[in-house]
Amino acid sequence: MTPTSDRAGIVAAARGCVGARFRLHGRAVETGLDCVGVAALAYARGRVPAGYALRGGDAAGVIAAIEAAGFVRTDTPAPAALLLLAPGPYQHHLAILTDRGFVHADAGLRRVVEVPGLPRWPLIAAWRAL
């Protein structure tokens, strides 16, 4: 896959994941996705981390991995931005910002959804479309 930097293309690719079932370590719409899988498809990234748990780890490690993949941090996220959120203690979650809200793999709903508005969870960091 060639990395995608077109903002509209990233948002469209993220929206193309909506409706897929949730599956930890999932990397395909047909078989299921987690938040890393949604981000990998939205940004057309072939190599992504594996072997992680739903809870645990530290934000610094997640941030380092995202930045090592070439993402550029921003203080002003716009549509197509990659968001790192903190939905709970020792939990880290990725989402793609859209013009209407954000796309993410919702473990509770067991599917990928687009939610209107801004995430209700604390924002740890954001990266702009490359």
N, C-alpha and C. Protein backbone atom coordinates (compact mmCIF):
# COMPACT_ATOMS: atom_id res chain seq x y z
N MET A 1 0.83 -1.18 0.00
CA MET A 1 0.00 0.00 0.00
C MET A 1 0.87 1.25 0.00
N THR A 2 0.47 2.24 -0.73
CA THR A 2 1.17 3.52 -0.74
C THR A 2 0.55 4.42 0.31
N PRO A 3 1.35 5.04 1.18
CA PRO A 3 0.77 5.93 2.20
C PRO A 3 -0.06 7.03 1.56
N THR A 4 -1.20 7.31 2.15
CA THR A 4 -2.11 8.32 1.65
C THR A 4 -1.92 9.62 2.40
N SER A 5 -1.88 10.75 1.67
CA SER A 5 -1.77 12.06 2.32
C SER A 5 -2.93 12.97 1.95
N ASP A 6 -3.76 12.58 0.99
CA ASP A 6 -4.91 13.36 0.57
C ASP A 6 -5.97 13.33 1.67
N ARG A 7 -6.29 14.50 2.23
CA ARG A 7 -7.23 14.54 3.37
C ARG A 7 -8.58 13.95 3.03
N ALA A 8 -9.14 14.31 1.89
CA ALA A 8 -10.44 13.77 1.50
C ALA A 8 -10.36 12.26 1.30
N GLY A 9 -9.25 11.79 0.74
CA GLY A 9 -9.07 10.35 0.55
C GLY A 9 -8.96 9.60 1.85
N ILE A 10 -8.30 10.20 2.83
CA ILE A 10 -8.16 9.57 4.15
C ILE A 10 -9.52 9.46 4.82
N VAL A 11 -10.28 10.55 4.80
CA VAL A 11 -11.62 10.53 5.41
C VAL A 11 -12.50 9.51 4.69
N ALA A 12 -12.45 9.48 3.37
CA ALA A 12 -13.26 8.52 2.60
C ALA A 12 -12.86 7.08 2.94
N ALA A 13 -11.57 6.83 3.06
CA ALA A 13 -11.11 5.48 3.41
C ALA A 13 -11.56 5.09 4.82
N ALA A 14 -11.50 6.04 5.75
CA ALA A 14 -11.97 5.76 7.11
C ALA A 14 -13.47 5.45 7.09
N ARG A 15 -14.22 6.26 6.36
CA ARG A 15 -15.67 6.02 6.25
C ARG A 15 -15.97 4.69 5.56
N GLY A 16 -15.09 4.24 4.71
CA GLY A 16 -15.26 2.95 4.06
C GLY A 16 -15.17 1.79 5.03
N CYS A 17 -14.64 2.05 6.21
CA CYS A 17 -14.54 1.01 7.26
C CYS A 17 -15.80 0.94 8.12
N VAL A 18 -16.63 1.98 8.08
CA VAL A 18 -17.82 2.04 8.93
C VAL A 18 -18.71 0.84 8.63
N GLY A 19 -19.13 0.19 9.69
CA GLY A 19 -19.97 -1.00 9.58
C GLY A 19 -19.21 -2.29 9.75
N ALA A 20 -17.88 -2.26 9.55
CA ALA A 20 -17.08 -3.47 9.75
C ALA A 20 -17.18 -3.88 11.22
N ARG A 21 -17.13 -5.17 11.46
CA ARG A 21 -17.19 -5.63 12.85
C ARG A 21 -15.87 -5.33 13.56
N PHE A 22 -15.94 -5.23 14.89
CA PHE A 22 -14.74 -5.02 15.69
C PHE A 22 -14.04 -6.36 15.87
N ARG A 23 -12.74 -6.36 15.65
CA ARG A 23 -11.92 -7.53 15.93
C ARG A 23 -10.54 -7.06 16.33
N LEU A 24 -10.12 -7.42 17.55
CA LEU A 24 -8.79 -7.06 18.03
C LEU A 24 -7.74 -7.57 17.05
N HIS A 25 -6.82 -6.70 16.67
CA HIS A 25 -5.77 -6.95 15.69
C HIS A 25 -6.32 -7.14 14.28
N GLY A 26 -7.59 -6.79 14.06
CA GLY A 26 -8.19 -6.92 12.74
C GLY A 26 -7.61 -5.92 11.77
N ARG A 27 -7.42 -6.37 10.52
CA ARG A 27 -6.79 -5.52 9.51
C ARG A 27 -7.56 -5.48 8.19
N ALA A 28 -8.75 -6.07 8.15
CA ALA A 28 -9.52 -6.08 6.90
C ALA A 28 -10.99 -5.82 7.20
N VAL A 29 -11.62 -5.00 6.36
CA VAL A 29 -13.05 -4.69 6.53
C VAL A 29 -13.87 -5.97 6.54
N GLU A 30 -13.51 -6.92 5.68
CA GLU A 30 -14.28 -8.16 5.54
C GLU A 30 -14.24 -9.04 6.79
N THR A 31 -13.14 -9.02 7.51
CA THR A 31 -13.00 -9.91 8.66
C THR A 31 -13.03 -9.20 10.01
N GLY A 32 -12.95 -7.87 9.99
CA GLY A 32 -13.02 -7.09 11.22
C GLY A 32 -11.79 -6.22 11.42
N LEU A 33 -12.01 -5.14 12.17
CA LEU A 33 -10.97 -4.13 12.40
C LEU A 33 -10.95 -3.70 13.86
N ASP A 34 -9.78 -3.30 14.32
CA ASP A 34 -9.67 -2.56 15.56
C ASP A 34 -9.22 -1.15 15.19
N CYS A 35 -8.94 -0.31 16.17
CA CYS A 35 -8.61 1.09 15.85
C CYS A 35 -7.31 1.21 15.06
N VAL A 36 -6.37 0.33 15.28
CA VAL A 36 -5.13 0.36 14.52
C VAL A 36 -5.40 -0.05 13.08
N GLY A 37 -6.26 -1.03 12.89
CA GLY A 37 -6.63 -1.46 11.55
C GLY A 37 -7.34 -0.37 10.77
N VAL A 38 -8.24 0.36 11.43
CA VAL A 38 -8.92 1.48 10.76
C VAL A 38 -7.89 2.52 10.33
N ALA A 39 -6.97 2.87 11.22
CA ALA A 39 -5.94 3.86 10.88
C ALA A 39 -5.06 3.35 9.75
N ALA A 40 -4.69 2.08 9.78
CA ALA A 40 -3.84 1.51 8.73
C ALA A 40 -4.53 1.60 7.37
N LEU A 41 -5.82 1.30 7.32
CA LEU A 41 -6.55 1.37 6.06
C LEU A 41 -6.76 2.82 5.62
N ALA A 42 -7.10 3.70 6.55
CA ALA A 42 -7.35 5.10 6.21
C ALA A 42 -6.10 5.76 5.64
N TYR A 43 -4.95 5.45 6.22
CA TYR A 43 -3.70 6.06 5.78
C TYR A 43 -2.93 5.18 4.82
N ALA A 44 -3.52 4.04 4.41
CA ALA A 44 -2.89 3.10 3.47
C ALA A 44 -1.51 2.69 3.96
N ARG A 45 -1.45 2.26 5.20
CA ARG A 45 -0.20 1.78 5.80
C ARG A 45 -0.23 0.26 5.87
N GLY A 46 0.70 -0.40 5.25
CA GLY A 46 0.75 -1.85 5.25
C GLY A 46 1.30 -2.43 6.54
N ARG A 47 2.38 -1.87 7.05
CA ARG A 47 3.01 -2.39 8.26
C ARG A 47 2.52 -1.63 9.47
N VAL A 48 1.87 -2.33 10.38
CA VAL A 48 1.36 -1.71 11.60
C VAL A 48 1.67 -2.62 12.78
N PRO A 49 1.65 -2.07 13.99
CA PRO A 49 1.94 -2.89 15.17
C PRO A 49 0.95 -4.03 15.35
N ALA A 50 1.41 -5.07 16.02
CA ALA A 50 0.56 -6.21 16.36
C ALA A 50 0.96 -6.69 17.76
N GLY A 51 0.16 -7.55 18.34
CA GLY A 51 0.51 -8.13 19.63
C GLY A 51 0.23 -7.25 20.83
N TYR A 52 -0.55 -6.23 20.68
CA TYR A 52 -0.87 -5.34 21.79
C TYR A 52 -2.20 -5.77 22.41
N ALA A 53 -2.46 -5.29 23.63
CA ALA A 53 -3.69 -5.60 24.34
C ALA A 53 -4.63 -4.40 24.30
N LEU A 54 -5.89 -4.63 24.64
CA LEU A 54 -6.85 -3.52 24.71
C LEU A 54 -6.48 -2.52 25.79
N ARG A 55 -5.88 -3.00 26.86
CA ARG A 55 -5.48 -2.14 27.96
C ARG A 55 -3.99 -2.35 28.23
N GLY A 56 -3.36 -1.30 28.71
CA GLY A 56 -1.96 -1.41 29.10
C GLY A 56 -1.05 -0.62 28.18
N GLY A 57 0.20 -0.68 28.49
CA GLY A 57 1.17 0.08 27.72
C GLY A 57 1.19 1.54 28.15
N ASP A 58 2.07 2.28 27.53
CA ASP A 58 2.16 3.69 27.89
C ASP A 58 2.00 4.54 26.62
N ALA A 59 1.47 5.72 26.81
CA ALA A 59 1.23 6.62 25.68
C ALA A 59 2.53 6.98 24.96
N ALA A 60 3.61 7.09 25.69
CA ALA A 60 4.88 7.46 25.06
C ALA A 60 5.30 6.44 24.00
N GLY A 61 5.08 5.18 24.26
CA GLY A 61 5.40 4.14 23.29
C GLY A 61 4.53 4.22 22.05
N VAL A 62 3.24 4.50 22.24
CA VAL A 62 2.32 4.64 21.12
C VAL A 62 2.72 5.87 20.29
N ILE A 63 2.99 6.97 20.95
CA ILE A 63 3.41 8.19 20.27
C ILE A 63 4.68 7.96 19.47
N ALA A 64 5.64 7.29 20.07
CA ALA A 64 6.91 7.01 19.38
C ALA A 64 6.68 6.16 18.13
N ALA A 65 5.81 5.17 18.22
CA ALA A 65 5.53 4.30 17.06
C ALA A 65 4.86 5.10 15.95
N ILE A 66 3.92 5.96 16.29
CA ILE A 66 3.21 6.75 15.29
C ILE A 66 4.19 7.72 14.61
N GLU A 67 5.03 8.36 15.39
CA GLU A 67 5.97 9.32 14.81
C GLU A 67 7.06 8.61 14.01
N ALA A 68 7.44 7.40 14.42
CA ALA A 68 8.41 6.63 13.65
C ALA A 68 7.84 6.23 12.30
N ALA A 69 6.51 6.15 12.20
CA ALA A 69 5.85 5.82 10.94
C ALA A 69 5.75 7.05 10.03
N GLY A 70 6.25 8.20 10.49
CA GLY A 70 6.29 9.39 9.65
C GLY A 70 5.17 10.38 9.86
N PHE A 71 4.33 10.16 10.85
CA PHE A 71 3.25 11.11 11.12
C PHE A 71 3.81 12.35 11.81
N VAL A 72 3.22 13.51 11.48
CA VAL A 72 3.68 14.80 12.02
C VAL A 72 2.64 15.33 12.99
N ARG A 73 3.09 15.60 14.21
CA ARG A 73 2.19 16.04 15.27
C ARG A 73 1.64 17.44 14.99
N THR A 74 0.40 17.67 15.45
CA THR A 74 -0.22 18.98 15.29
C THR A 74 -0.98 19.35 16.55
N ASP A 75 -1.05 20.64 16.81
CA ASP A 75 -1.86 21.16 17.92
C ASP A 75 -3.23 21.61 17.43
N THR A 76 -3.43 21.60 16.13
CA THR A 76 -4.70 22.04 15.55
C THR A 76 -5.23 20.96 14.59
N PRO A 77 -5.81 19.91 15.13
CA PRO A 77 -6.30 18.82 14.26
C PRO A 77 -7.41 19.29 13.34
N ALA A 78 -7.34 18.84 12.09
CA ALA A 78 -8.34 19.11 11.06
C ALA A 78 -8.81 17.77 10.52
N PRO A 79 -9.88 17.76 9.71
CA PRO A 79 -10.32 16.49 9.14
C PRO A 79 -9.16 15.71 8.52
N ALA A 80 -9.13 14.42 8.76
CA ALA A 80 -8.10 13.46 8.36
C ALA A 80 -6.99 13.34 9.40
N ALA A 81 -7.06 14.10 10.48
CA ALA A 81 -6.05 13.97 11.53
C ALA A 81 -6.22 12.63 12.24
N LEU A 82 -5.10 12.06 12.64
CA LEU A 82 -5.08 10.85 13.47
C LEU A 82 -5.06 11.30 14.92
N LEU A 83 -6.02 10.81 15.70
CA LEU A 83 -6.14 11.18 17.10
C LEU A 83 -5.74 10.02 17.99
N LEU A 84 -5.00 10.31 19.05
CA LEU A 84 -4.71 9.34 20.09
C LEU A 84 -5.50 9.79 21.32
N LEU A 85 -6.41 8.94 21.75
CA LEU A 85 -7.34 9.27 22.83
C LEU A 85 -7.10 8.37 24.04
N ALA A 86 -7.61 8.81 25.19
CA ALA A 86 -7.50 8.04 26.44
C ALA A 86 -8.90 7.74 26.95
N PRO A 87 -9.53 6.65 26.46
CA PRO A 87 -10.90 6.33 26.89
C PRO A 87 -11.00 5.83 28.32
N GLY A 88 -9.90 5.45 28.92
CA GLY A 88 -9.91 4.97 30.30
C GLY A 88 -8.48 4.83 30.81
N PRO A 89 -8.33 4.50 32.09
CA PRO A 89 -6.98 4.32 32.64
C PRO A 89 -6.22 3.24 31.87
N TYR A 90 -5.01 3.54 31.48
CA TYR A 90 -4.15 2.60 30.76
C TYR A 90 -4.75 2.12 29.45
N GLN A 91 -5.61 2.93 28.86
CA GLN A 91 -6.19 2.61 27.56
C GLN A 91 -5.80 3.70 26.57
N HIS A 92 -5.48 3.29 25.36
CA HIS A 92 -5.14 4.21 24.28
C HIS A 92 -5.96 3.80 23.08
N HIS A 93 -6.45 4.78 22.35
CA HIS A 93 -7.37 4.50 21.26
C HIS A 93 -7.12 5.47 20.12
N LEU A 94 -7.14 4.96 18.89
CA LEU A 94 -6.94 5.79 17.71
C LEU A 94 -8.28 6.08 17.05
N ALA A 95 -8.39 7.26 16.46
CA ALA A 95 -9.57 7.66 15.71
C ALA A 95 -9.14 8.59 14.59
N ILE A 96 -9.97 8.68 13.56
CA ILE A 96 -9.72 9.57 12.44
C ILE A 96 -10.75 10.69 12.50
N LEU A 97 -10.28 11.92 12.56
CA LEU A 97 -11.17 13.08 12.60
C LEU A 97 -11.78 13.28 11.21
N THR A 98 -13.09 13.58 11.17
CA THR A 98 -13.77 13.88 9.91
C THR A 98 -14.38 15.27 10.01
N ASP A 99 -15.03 15.71 8.95
CA ASP A 99 -15.70 17.01 8.97
C ASP A 99 -16.98 16.97 9.79
N ARG A 100 -17.46 15.78 10.13
CA ARG A 100 -18.69 15.62 10.91
C ARG A 100 -18.45 15.09 12.32
N GLY A 101 -17.29 14.55 12.57
CA GLY A 101 -17.02 13.90 13.85
C GLY A 101 -15.74 13.09 13.77
N PHE A 102 -15.85 11.80 14.08
CA PHE A 102 -14.67 10.93 14.01
C PHE A 102 -15.09 9.49 13.76
N VAL A 103 -14.20 8.76 13.09
CA VAL A 103 -14.39 7.35 12.81
C VAL A 103 -13.49 6.56 13.74
N HIS A 104 -14.04 5.51 14.35
CA HIS A 104 -13.23 4.65 15.21
C HIS A 104 -13.85 3.27 15.33
N ALA A 105 -13.05 2.32 15.74
CA ALA A 105 -13.53 0.95 15.98
C ALA A 105 -14.01 0.90 17.43
N ASP A 106 -15.31 0.76 17.61
CA ASP A 106 -15.92 0.79 18.94
C ASP A 106 -16.06 -0.63 19.48
N ALA A 107 -15.24 -0.96 20.46
CA ALA A 107 -15.28 -2.32 21.03
C ALA A 107 -16.61 -2.60 21.70
N GLY A 108 -17.23 -1.60 22.31
CA GLY A 108 -18.51 -1.78 22.99
C GLY A 108 -19.65 -2.05 22.02
N LEU A 109 -19.65 -1.34 20.90
CA LEU A 109 -20.68 -1.54 19.88
C LEU A 109 -20.34 -2.71 18.96
N ARG A 110 -19.08 -3.16 19.03
CA ARG A 110 -18.58 -4.29 18.23
C ARG A 110 -18.55 -3.99 16.74
N ARG A 111 -18.33 -2.70 16.39
CA ARG A 111 -18.22 -2.34 14.97
C ARG A 111 -17.53 -0.99 14.83
N VAL A 112 -17.17 -0.67 13.61
CA VAL A 112 -16.58 0.63 13.29
C VAL A 112 -17.72 1.60 13.04
N VAL A 113 -17.62 2.77 13.64
CA VAL A 113 -18.68 3.77 13.54
C VAL A 113 -18.09 5.15 13.26
N GLU A 114 -18.95 6.04 12.73
CA GLU A 114 -18.62 7.46 12.68
C GLU A 114 -19.52 8.15 13.68
N VAL A 115 -18.92 8.83 14.62
CA VAL A 115 -19.66 9.48 15.70
C VAL A 115 -19.65 10.98 15.45
N PRO A 116 -20.81 11.64 15.53
CA PRO A 116 -20.82 13.09 15.32
C PRO A 116 -20.15 13.83 16.47
N GLY A 117 -19.59 14.99 16.16
CA GLY A 117 -18.96 15.82 17.17
C GLY A 117 -17.55 15.37 17.50
N LEU A 118 -17.02 15.94 18.55
CA LEU A 118 -15.66 15.61 18.99
C LEU A 118 -15.70 14.44 19.97
N PRO A 119 -14.60 13.69 20.05
CA PRO A 119 -14.55 12.58 21.01
C PRO A 119 -14.75 13.08 22.43
N ARG A 120 -15.40 12.27 23.24
CA ARG A 120 -15.64 12.63 24.64
C ARG A 120 -14.44 12.28 25.53
N TRP A 121 -13.50 11.52 24.98
CA TRP A 121 -12.34 11.11 25.75
C TRP A 121 -11.23 12.14 25.65
N PRO A 122 -10.36 12.19 26.65
CA PRO A 122 -9.24 13.13 26.58
C PRO A 122 -8.34 12.86 25.37
N LEU A 123 -7.93 13.93 24.71
CA LEU A 123 -7.01 13.86 23.59
C LEU A 123 -5.58 13.84 24.13
N ILE A 124 -4.83 12.80 23.78
CA ILE A 124 -3.42 12.72 24.18
C ILE A 124 -2.55 13.45 23.17
N ALA A 125 -2.80 13.18 21.88
CA ALA A 125 -2.00 13.79 20.81
C ALA A 125 -2.77 13.67 19.50
N ALA A 126 -2.37 14.47 18.53
CA ALA A 126 -2.97 14.42 17.19
C ALA A 126 -1.86 14.61 16.16
N TRP A 127 -2.07 13.99 15.01
CA TRP A 127 -1.13 14.09 13.90
C TRP A 127 -1.90 14.49 12.66
N ARG A 128 -1.30 15.36 11.84
CA ARG A 128 -1.96 15.80 10.62
C ARG A 128 -1.72 14.80 9.51
N ALA A 129 -2.58 14.90 8.51
CA ALA A 129 -2.38 14.08 7.32
C ALA A 129 -1.02 14.44 6.75
N LEU A 130 -0.30 13.46 6.31
CA LEU A 130 1.08 13.66 5.86
C LEU A 130 1.17 14.47 4.60
